[in-house]
Amino acid sequence: MPVTMTRHGDTARAANDNRSIEGNRHVRALQPAHGQGRPSQSRPLPTFRGTGPTVVFLLVCAVGLIPWTVGLAVRLPAHYVVGSWTLTWAGFDIALLACFAVTAWALWNQRPTALPAAVFTSALLLCDAWFDVLTAHGGRDLLVSAATALLGEIPGAIVLAAISIRLLRANAPFVPQTRPGTTHQPCGLPHRTAPSTSRIAHQ
């Protein structure tokens, strides 16, 4: 074989090897480093160390509220005059306004606080509807309170609850429920494998 052809062949193989090495470098550069990017799907979720005492505390609160609620139902008067009626409802509406603003800001900017803000705002809307109807006088006041509850507060709470559920489902593939020593692949997501490297990279 002529020397010139051998040299050209060696040069072509060297150029291909260099391109393969550079391609492998680009692939490694695009892949997230260890501990960064999405959490490993084979790694179990971190658990809250205070789960046991917290559950006990919550159960004690739930059991303790039973006699408290029964006592209120029996001993509270049917009529009660409140001196700070204006401050009570004005403060509640200010808190509700702040929750609406935070929820809208978090959803628009796609912040993680959108989920708790939507849940909290939905709960406040339900509380608003409850107390509006039950504290209203009969007649026109009761009709207005019932109308605002049925047409405004309850539908708004349902919409925010639906948004919260969508946010939970959207974040579910990123925090899969796994057990130690097992792997979990989110449903509907294809399993990704690392691209094969060249023979030069393994040497």
C-alpha atoms as a PDB file:
ATOM      1  CA  MET A   1       0.000   0.000   0.000  1.00  0.00           C
ATOM      2  CA  PRO A   2       1.433   3.420  -0.836  1.00  0.00           C
ATOM      3  CA  VAL A   3       2.712   5.517   2.006  1.00  0.00           C
ATOM      4  CA  THR A   4       0.541   8.510   1.059  1.00  0.00           C
ATOM      5  CA  MET A   5      -2.669   6.461   1.303  1.00  0.00           C
ATOM      6  CA  THR A   6      -1.659   5.117   4.739  1.00  0.00           C
ATOM      7  CA  ARG A   7      -0.955   8.611   5.980  1.00  0.00           C
ATOM      8  CA  HIS A   8      -4.297   9.862   4.666  1.00  0.00           C
ATOM      9  CA  GLY A   9      -6.092   6.941   6.359  1.00  0.00           C
ATOM     10  CA  ASP A  10      -4.359   7.591   9.688  1.00  0.00           C
ATOM     11  CA  THR A  11      -5.215  11.268   9.437  1.00  0.00           C
ATOM     12  CA  ALA A  12      -8.909  10.511   8.751  1.00  0.00           C
ATOM     13  CA  ARG A  13      -9.102   8.062  11.688  1.00  0.00           C
ATOM     14  CA  ALA A  14      -7.449  10.567  13.996  1.00  0.00           C
ATOM     15  CA  ALA A  15      -9.916  13.264  12.924  1.00  0.00           C
ATOM     16  CA  ASN A  16     -12.869  10.920  13.547  1.00  0.00           C
ATOM     17  CA  ASP A  17     -11.497   9.987  16.972  1.00  0.00           C
ATOM     18  CA  ASN A  18     -11.068  13.657  17.867  1.00  0.00           C
ATOM     19  CA  ARG A  19     -14.649  14.420  16.798  1.00  0.00           C
ATOM     20  CA  SER A  20     -15.920  11.465  18.866  1.00  0.00           C
ATOM     21  CA  ILE A  21     -14.025  12.646  21.955  1.00  0.00           C
ATOM     22  CA  GLU A  22     -15.331  16.196  21.529  1.00  0.00           C
ATOM     23  CA  GLY A  23     -18.865  14.862  21.113  1.00  0.00           C
ATOM     24  CA  ASN A  24     -18.544  12.886  24.329  1.00  0.00           C
ATOM     25  CA  ARG A  25     -17.339  16.003  26.111  1.00  0.00           C
ATOM     26  CA  HIS A  26     -20.390  17.925  24.899  1.00  0.00           C
ATOM     27  CA  VAL A  27     -22.694  15.134  26.070  1.00  0.00           C
ATOM     28  CA  ARG A  28     -21.098  15.108  29.515  1.00  0.00           C
ATOM     29  CA  ALA A  29     -21.318  18.895  29.680  1.00  0.00           C
ATOM     30  CA  LEU A  30     -25.037  18.847  28.910  1.00  0.00           C
ATOM     31  CA  GLN A  31     -25.783  16.184  31.503  1.00  0.00           C
ATOM     32  CA  PRO A  32     -26.505  17.549  35.022  1.00  0.00           C
ATOM     33  CA  ALA A  33     -23.791  17.088  37.552  1.00  0.00           C
ATOM     34  CA  HIS A  34     -24.199  14.749  40.516  1.00  0.00           C
ATOM     35  CA  GLY A  35     -26.582  16.260  43.034  1.00  0.00           C
ATOM     36  CA  GLN A  36     -27.867  18.885  40.604  1.00  0.00           C
ATOM     37  CA  GLY A  37     -30.864  19.103  38.281  1.00  0.00           C
ATOM     38  CA  ARG A  38     -33.674  16.632  38.787  1.00  0.00           C
ATOM     39  CA  PRO A  39     -33.426  14.368  41.801  1.00  0.00           C
ATOM     40  CA  SER A  40     -32.414  10.811  41.118  1.00  0.00           C
ATOM     41  CA  GLN A  41     -35.423   8.596  40.565  1.00  0.00           C
ATOM     42  CA  SER A  42     -33.736   5.718  42.372  1.00  0.00           C
ATOM     43  CA  ARG A  43     -33.156   7.820  45.482  1.00  0.00           C
ATOM     44  CA  PRO A  44     -35.968   7.674  48.096  1.00  0.00           C
ATOM     45  CA  LEU A  45     -37.659  10.856  49.204  1.00  0.00           C
ATOM     46  CA  PRO A  46     -36.308  12.439  52.387  1.00  0.00           C
ATOM     47  CA  THR A  47     -38.562  11.806  55.364  1.00  0.00           C
ATOM     48  CA  PHE A  48     -39.464  14.255  58.085  1.00  0.00           C
ATOM     49  CA  ARG A  49     -37.700  13.094  61.240  1.00  0.00           C
ATOM     50  CA  GLY A  50     -40.355  14.534  63.526  1.00  0.00           C
ATOM     51  CA  THR A  51     -43.213  12.595  61.931  1.00  0.00           C
ATOM     52  CA  GLY A  52     -44.023  10.529  65.022  1.00  0.00           C
ATOM     53  CA  PRO A  53     -44.285  13.397  67.542  1.00  0.00           C
ATOM     54  CA  THR A  54     -46.086  15.555  64.988  1.00  0.00           C
ATOM     55  CA  VAL A  55     -48.728  12.895  64.357  1.00  0.00           C
ATOM     56  CA  VAL A  56     -49.230  12.427  68.095  1.00  0.00           C
ATOM     57  CA  PHE A  57     -49.602  16.188  68.563  1.00  0.00           C
ATOM     58  CA  LEU A  58     -52.167  16.431  65.770  1.00  0.00           C
ATOM     59  CA  LEU A  59     -54.153  13.523  67.165  1.00  0.00           C
ATOM     60  CA  VAL A  60     -54.165  15.124  70.624  1.00  0.00           C
ATOM     61  CA  CYS A  61     -55.442  18.365  69.078  1.00  0.00           C
ATOM     62  CA  ALA A  62     -58.195  16.531  67.211  1.00  0.00           C
ATOM     63  CA  VAL A  63     -59.316  14.630  70.313  1.00  0.00           C
ATOM     64  CA  GLY A  64     -59.102  17.738  72.485  1.00  0.00           C
ATOM     65  CA  LEU A  65     -61.324  19.697  70.128  1.00  0.00           C
ATOM     66  CA  ILE A  66     -64.196  17.244  70.625  1.00  0.00           C
ATOM     67  CA  PRO A  67     -65.140  18.301  74.199  1.00  0.00           C
ATOM     68  CA  TRP A  68     -64.286  21.914  73.371  1.00  0.00           C
ATOM     69  CA  THR A  69     -66.706  21.940  70.429  1.00  0.00           C
ATOM     70  CA  VAL A  70     -69.439  20.200  72.411  1.00  0.00           C
ATOM     71  CA  GLY A  71     -69.023  22.734  75.212  1.00  0.00           C
ATOM     72  CA  LEU A  72     -69.290  25.646  72.801  1.00  0.00           C
ATOM     73  CA  ALA A  73     -72.407  24.196  71.218  1.00  0.00           C
ATOM     74  CA  VAL A  74     -74.061  23.852  74.614  1.00  0.00           C
ATOM     75  CA  ARG A  75     -72.905  26.967  76.476  1.00  0.00           C
ATOM     76  CA  LEU A  76     -72.592  29.692  73.844  1.00  0.00           C
ATOM     77  CA  PRO A  77     -75.490  32.178  73.810  1.00  0.00           C
ATOM     78  CA  ALA A  78     -77.756  32.384  70.788  1.00  0.00           C
ATOM     79  CA  HIS A  79     -77.168  36.158  70.516  1.00  0.00           C
ATOM     80  CA  TYR A  80     -73.881  37.957  71.163  1.00  0.00           C
ATOM     81  CA  VAL A  81     -72.954  41.602  70.610  1.00  0.00           C
ATOM     82  CA  VAL A  82     -69.452  42.148  69.173  1.00  0.00           C
ATOM     83  CA  GLY A  83     -67.782  45.505  69.629  1.00  0.00           C
ATOM     84  CA  SER A  84     -65.100  44.955  66.980  1.00  0.00           C
ATOM     85  CA  TRP A  85     -67.403  43.753  64.201  1.00  0.00           C
ATOM     86  CA  THR A  86     -65.985  46.147  61.599  1.00  0.00           C
ATOM     87  CA  LEU A  87     -62.371  45.318  62.439  1.00  0.00           C
ATOM     88  CA  THR A  88     -63.096  41.602  62.322  1.00  0.00           C
ATOM     89  CA  TRP A  89     -64.479  41.577  58.793  1.00  0.00           C
ATOM     90  CA  ALA A  90     -62.175  44.279  57.451  1.00  0.00           C
ATOM     91  CA  GLY A  91     -59.129  42.378  58.737  1.00  0.00           C
ATOM     92  CA  PHE A  92     -60.409  39.142  57.251  1.00  0.00           C
ATOM     93  CA  ASP A  93     -60.976  40.754  53.859  1.00  0.00           C
ATOM     94  CA  ILE A  94     -57.493  42.293  53.927  1.00  0.00           C
ATOM     95  CA  ALA A  95     -56.017  38.852  54.572  1.00  0.00           C
ATOM     96  CA  LEU A  96     -58.114  37.413  51.730  1.00  0.00           C
ATOM     97  CA  LEU A  97     -56.982  40.203  49.397  1.00  0.00           C
ATOM     98  CA  ALA A  98     -53.336  39.487  50.268  1.00  0.00           C
ATOM     99  CA  CYS A  99     -53.846  35.774  49.555  1.00  0.00           C
ATOM    100  CA  PHE A 100     -55.368  36.543  46.154  1.00  0.00           C
ATOM    101  CA  ALA A 101     -52.439  38.826  45.300  1.00  0.00           C
ATOM    102  CA  VAL A 102     -49.786  36.320  46.386  1.00  0.00           C
ATOM    103  CA  THR A 103     -51.493  33.483  44.516  1.00  0.00           C
ATOM    104  CA  ALA A 104     -51.768  35.512  41.310  1.00  0.00           C
ATOM    105  CA  TRP A 105     -48.133  36.637  41.560  1.00  0.00           C
ATOM    106  CA  ALA A 106     -46.872  33.111  42.234  1.00  0.00           C
ATOM    107  CA  LEU A 107     -48.869  31.614  39.360  1.00  0.00           C
ATOM    108  CA  TRP A 108     -47.778  34.312  36.927  1.00  0.00           C
ATOM    109  CA  ASN A 109     -44.098  33.933  37.849  1.00  0.00           C
ATOM    110  CA  GLN A 110     -44.349  30.128  38.213  1.00  0.00           C
ATOM    111  CA  ARG A 111     -43.083  30.132  41.787  1.00  0.00           C
ATOM    112  CA  PRO A 112     -43.333  27.115  44.139  1.00  0.00           C
ATOM    113  CA  THR A 113     -45.382  29.237  46.558  1.00  0.00           C
ATOM    114  CA  ALA A 114     -48.325  29.032  44.144  1.00  0.00           C
ATOM    115  CA  LEU A 115     -49.439  25.683  45.577  1.00  0.00           C
ATOM    116  CA  PRO A 116     -49.705  26.644  49.276  1.00  0.00           C
ATOM    117  CA  ALA A 117     -51.055  30.082  48.333  1.00  0.00           C
ATOM    118  CA  ALA A 118     -53.850  28.555  46.232  1.00  0.00           C
ATOM    119  CA  VAL A 119     -54.749  26.077  48.985  1.00  0.00           C
ATOM    120  CA  PHE A 120     -54.801  28.788  51.652  1.00  0.00           C
ATOM    121  CA  THR A 121     -56.885  31.146  49.519  1.00  0.00           C
ATOM    122  CA  SER A 122     -59.376  28.383  48.737  1.00  0.00           C
ATOM    123  CA  ALA A 123     -59.779  27.634  52.448  1.00  0.00           C
ATOM    124  CA  LEU A 124     -60.277  31.312  53.276  1.00  0.00           C
ATOM    125  CA  LEU A 125     -62.970  31.622  50.608  1.00  0.00           C
ATOM    126  CA  LEU A 126     -64.881  28.718  52.120  1.00  0.00           C
ATOM    127  CA  CYS A 127     -64.564  30.289  55.573  1.00  0.00           C
ATOM    128  CA  ASP A 128     -65.803  33.586  54.141  1.00  0.00           C
ATOM    129  CA  ALA A 129     -68.872  31.920  52.654  1.00  0.00           C
ATOM    130  CA  TRP A 130     -69.582  30.040  55.892  1.00  0.00           C
ATOM    131  CA  PHE A 131     -69.451  33.062  58.200  1.00  0.00           C
ATOM    132  CA  ASP A 132     -71.189  35.355  55.700  1.00  0.00           C
ATOM    133  CA  VAL A 133     -74.236  33.125  55.565  1.00  0.00           C
ATOM    134  CA  LEU A 134     -74.379  32.166  59.249  1.00  0.00           C
ATOM    135  CA  THR A 135     -73.836  35.673  60.629  1.00  0.00           C
ATOM    136  CA  ALA A 136     -76.253  37.407  58.273  1.00  0.00           C
ATOM    137  CA  HIS A 137     -79.609  38.675  59.453  1.00  0.00           C
ATOM    138  CA  GLY A 138     -82.738  37.323  57.836  1.00  0.00           C
ATOM    139  CA  GLY A 139     -84.303  38.813  54.779  1.00  0.00           C
ATOM    140  CA  ARG A 140     -82.224  40.849  52.343  1.00  0.00           C
ATOM    141  CA  ASP A 141     -78.902  40.374  54.192  1.00  0.00           C
ATOM    142  CA  LEU A 142     -79.257  36.612  54.115  1.00  0.00           C
ATOM    143  CA  LEU A 143     -80.132  36.626  50.412  1.00  0.00           C
ATOM    144  CA  VAL A 144     -77.113  38.763  49.553  1.00  0.00           C
ATOM    145  CA  SER A 145     -74.791  36.574  51.638  1.00  0.00           C
ATOM    146  CA  ALA A 146     -76.162  33.375  50.095  1.00  0.00           C
ATOM    147  CA  ALA A 147     -75.856  34.811  46.578  1.00  0.00           C
ATOM    148  CA  THR A 148     -72.232  35.914  47.076  1.00  0.00           C
ATOM    149  CA  ALA A 149     -71.401  32.517  48.570  1.00  0.00           C
ATOM    150  CA  LEU A 150     -73.018  30.498  45.774  1.00  0.00           C
ATOM    151  CA  LEU A 151     -71.929  32.713  42.880  1.00  0.00           C
ATOM    152  CA  GLY A 152     -68.560  33.981  44.045  1.00  0.00           C
ATOM    153  CA  GLU A 153     -66.842  32.467  47.051  1.00  0.00           C
ATOM    154  CA  ILE A 154     -67.636  28.771  46.634  1.00  0.00           C
ATOM    155  CA  PRO A 155     -66.886  28.687  42.849  1.00  0.00           C
ATOM    156  CA  GLY A 156     -63.659  30.607  43.492  1.00  0.00           C
ATOM    157  CA  ALA A 157     -62.658  28.081  46.144  1.00  0.00           C
ATOM    158  CA  ILE A 158     -63.391  25.213  43.734  1.00  0.00           C
ATOM    159  CA  VAL A 159     -61.280  26.821  40.985  1.00  0.00           C
ATOM    160  CA  LEU A 160     -58.348  27.339  43.347  1.00  0.00           C
ATOM    161  CA  ALA A 161     -58.669  23.770  44.617  1.00  0.00           C
ATOM    162  CA  ALA A 162     -58.545  22.527  41.016  1.00  0.00           C
ATOM    163  CA  ILE A 163     -55.442  24.635  40.408  1.00  0.00           C
ATOM    164  CA  SER A 164     -53.835  23.116  43.502  1.00  0.00           C
ATOM    165  CA  ILE A 165     -54.566  19.598  42.259  1.00  0.00           C
ATOM    166  CA  ARG A 166     -53.070  20.414  38.856  1.00  0.00           C
ATOM    167  CA  LEU A 167     -49.942  21.777  40.513  1.00  0.00           C
ATOM    168  CA  LEU A 168     -49.604  18.624  42.604  1.00  0.00           C
ATOM    169  CA  ARG A 169     -49.968  16.411  39.538  1.00  0.00           C
ATOM    170  CA  ALA A 170     -47.518  18.522  37.555  1.00  0.00           C
ATOM    171  CA  ASN A 171     -44.881  18.178  40.267  1.00  0.00           C
ATOM    172  CA  ALA A 172     -45.522  14.470  40.899  1.00  0.00           C
ATOM    173  CA  PRO A 173     -43.020  13.131  38.252  1.00  0.00           C
ATOM    174  CA  PHE A 174     -40.248  15.210  39.793  1.00  0.00           C
ATOM    175  CA  VAL A 175     -40.698  13.745  43.285  1.00  0.00           C
ATOM    176  CA  PRO A 176     -41.653  10.095  42.699  1.00  0.00           C
ATOM    177  CA  GLN A 177     -42.576   7.887  45.628  1.00  0.00           C
ATOM    178  CA  THR A 178     -39.839   5.276  45.893  1.00  0.00           C
ATOM    179  CA  ARG A 179     -38.619   2.726  48.355  1.00  0.00           C
ATOM    180  CA  PRO A 180     -34.980   2.260  49.347  1.00  0.00           C
ATOM    181  CA  GLY A 181     -33.208   0.060  46.855  1.00  0.00           C
ATOM    182  CA  THR A 182     -35.891   0.354  44.185  1.00  0.00           C
ATOM    183  CA  THR A 183     -36.333   2.560  41.168  1.00  0.00           C
ATOM    184  CA  HIS A 184     -39.456   4.310  39.968  1.00  0.00           C
ATOM    185  CA  GLN A 185     -40.253   5.470  36.482  1.00  0.00           C
ATOM    186  CA  PRO A 186     -43.129   7.975  36.179  1.00  0.00           C
ATOM    187  CA  CYS A 187     -46.035   6.683  34.122  1.00  0.00           C
ATOM    188  CA  GLY A 188     -45.966   7.896  30.548  1.00  0.00           C
ATOM    189  CA  LEU A 189     -42.358   9.068  30.638  1.00  0.00           C
ATOM    190  CA  PRO A 190     -39.911   7.059  28.504  1.00  0.00           C
ATOM    191  CA  HIS A 191     -36.805   5.769  30.204  1.00  0.00           C
ATOM    192  CA  ARG A 192     -33.796   7.783  29.146  1.00  0.00           C
ATOM    193  CA  THR A 193     -30.461   6.102  28.722  1.00  0.00           C
ATOM    194  CA  ALA A 194     -27.122   7.791  28.463  1.00  0.00           C
ATOM    195  CA  PRO A 195     -25.747   7.932  24.902  1.00  0.00           C
ATOM    196  CA  SER A 196     -23.147   5.340  24.103  1.00  0.00           C
ATOM    197  CA  THR A 197     -19.567   6.550  24.103  1.00  0.00           C
ATOM    198  CA  SER A 198     -17.004   5.693  21.517  1.00  0.00           C
ATOM    199  CA  ARG A 199     -14.288   3.080  21.763  1.00  0.00           C
ATOM    200  CA  ILE A 200     -11.681   5.802  22.355  1.00  0.00           C
ATOM    201  CA  ALA A 201     -13.563   7.119  25.420  1.00  0.00           C
ATOM    202  CA  HIS A 202     -13.466   3.689  27.116  1.00  0.00           C
ATOM    203  CA  GLN A 203      -9.772   3.274  26.561  1.00  0.00           C
END
